[in-house]
């Protein structure tokens, strides 16, 4: 289920602090730290920060996965959920 959530956040393109908590998962203090770290990285690169959000793809290094992996795992989770639902219906 977590990779389905991650996939949705990646497709959205940006993440606020609540999204960071869902993506990592972590608490509010850690999500604020991650948010601030990403904003500092963007500033150091000489780029402008988005207001109140960060680009969601910048969260990937914190979980050690690529976007392709997240999408692949999300598809597997969706397939597993569909199989589970079908098995329950056939009982």
Protein backbone atom coordinates (compact mmCIF):
# COMPACT_ATOMS: atom_id res chain seq x y z
CA UNK A 1 0.00 0.00 0.00
CA UNK A 2 2.84 2.42 0.74
CA UNK A 3 4.19 2.29 -2.81
CA UNK A 4 0.75 3.10 -4.21
CA UNK A 5 0.76 6.21 -2.01
CA UNK A 6 4.32 7.02 -3.10
CA UNK A 7 3.37 6.61 -6.75
CA UNK A 8 0.47 9.06 -6.36
CA UNK A 9 2.75 11.63 -4.72
CA UNK A 10 5.38 11.20 -7.46
CA UNK A 11 2.74 11.62 -10.17
CA UNK A 12 1.47 14.76 -8.45
CA UNK A 13 4.98 16.16 -8.84
CA UNK A 14 5.24 17.96 -5.53
CA UNK A 15 4.96 17.14 -1.84
CA UNK A 16 3.97 19.14 1.21
CA UNK A 17 4.92 18.12 4.75
CA UNK A 18 1.92 15.78 5.09
CA UNK A 19 2.91 14.06 1.83
CA UNK A 20 6.47 13.67 3.12
CA UNK A 21 5.13 11.91 6.24
CA UNK A 22 3.20 9.49 4.00
CA UNK A 23 6.08 9.00 1.55
CA UNK A 24 8.90 8.28 4.03
CA UNK A 25 6.92 7.43 6.56
CA UNK A 26 7.95 9.60 9.50
CA UNK A 27 6.64 12.04 12.07
CA UNK A 28 6.10 15.76 11.78
CA UNK A 29 9.53 16.71 13.17
CA UNK A 30 11.39 14.47 10.70
CA UNK A 31 9.21 15.60 7.79
CA UNK A 32 10.06 19.23 8.62
CA UNK A 33 13.77 18.34 8.71
CA UNK A 34 13.54 16.64 5.31
CA UNK A 35 11.52 19.55 3.91
CA UNK A 36 14.16 22.04 5.11
CA UNK A 37 17.06 19.89 3.82
CA UNK A 38 15.52 19.69 0.36
CA UNK A 39 14.81 23.42 0.27
CA UNK A 40 18.43 24.13 1.28
CA UNK A 41 19.72 21.79 -1.47
CA UNK A 42 17.59 23.59 -4.04
CA UNK A 43 18.85 26.97 -2.83
CA UNK A 44 22.49 25.78 -2.97
CA UNK A 45 21.91 24.69 -6.57
CA UNK A 46 20.92 28.27 -7.36
CA UNK A 47 17.32 27.33 -8.11
CA UNK A 48 14.11 28.81 -6.78
CA UNK A 49 12.08 26.92 -4.20
CA UNK A 50 8.41 26.27 -4.65
CA UNK A 51 6.28 27.83 -1.94
CA UNK A 52 5.21 25.37 0.81
CA UNK A 53 6.13 22.29 -1.28
CA UNK A 54 9.14 20.42 -2.64
CA UNK A 55 9.49 18.38 -5.81
CA UNK A 56 8.40 14.86 -4.95
CA UNK A 57 11.24 13.19 -6.86
CA UNK A 58 13.68 14.77 -4.38
CA UNK A 59 12.24 12.42 -1.72
CA UNK A 60 13.51 9.31 -3.50
CA UNK A 61 17.05 9.36 -2.01
CA UNK A 62 15.51 9.27 1.47
CA UNK A 63 13.93 5.87 0.76
CA UNK A 64 16.72 4.48 -1.42
CA UNK A 65 14.48 3.71 -4.40
CA UNK A 66 14.20 5.00 -7.94
CA UNK A 67 10.96 6.26 -9.44
CA UNK A 68 10.90 3.19 -11.68
CA UNK A 69 11.15 0.90 -8.63
CA UNK A 70 8.35 2.71 -6.79
CA UNK A 71 6.07 2.39 -9.82
CA UNK A 72 6.95 -1.28 -10.23
CA UNK A 73 6.27 -2.02 -6.55
CA UNK A 74 3.01 -0.05 -6.71
CA UNK A 75 1.84 -2.12 -9.67
CA UNK A 76 2.64 -5.30 -7.71
CA UNK A 77 0.70 -3.98 -4.70
CA UNK A 78 -2.28 -3.20 -6.96
CA UNK A 79 -2.16 -6.67 -8.49
CA UNK A 80 -1.91 -8.30 -5.05
CA UNK A 81 -4.87 -6.26 -3.81
CA UNK A 82 -6.93 -7.25 -6.86
CA UNK A 83 -6.06 -10.93 -6.34
CA UNK A 84 -6.97 -10.70 -2.67
CA UNK A 85 -10.30 -9.06 -3.51
CA UNK A 86 -11.09 -11.71 -6.13
CA UNK A 87 -10.26 -14.50 -3.66
CA UNK A 88 -12.62 -13.00 -1.08
CA UNK A 89 -15.41 -12.69 -3.65
CA UNK A 90 -15.03 -16.33 -4.75
CA UNK A 91 -15.51 -17.72 -1.24
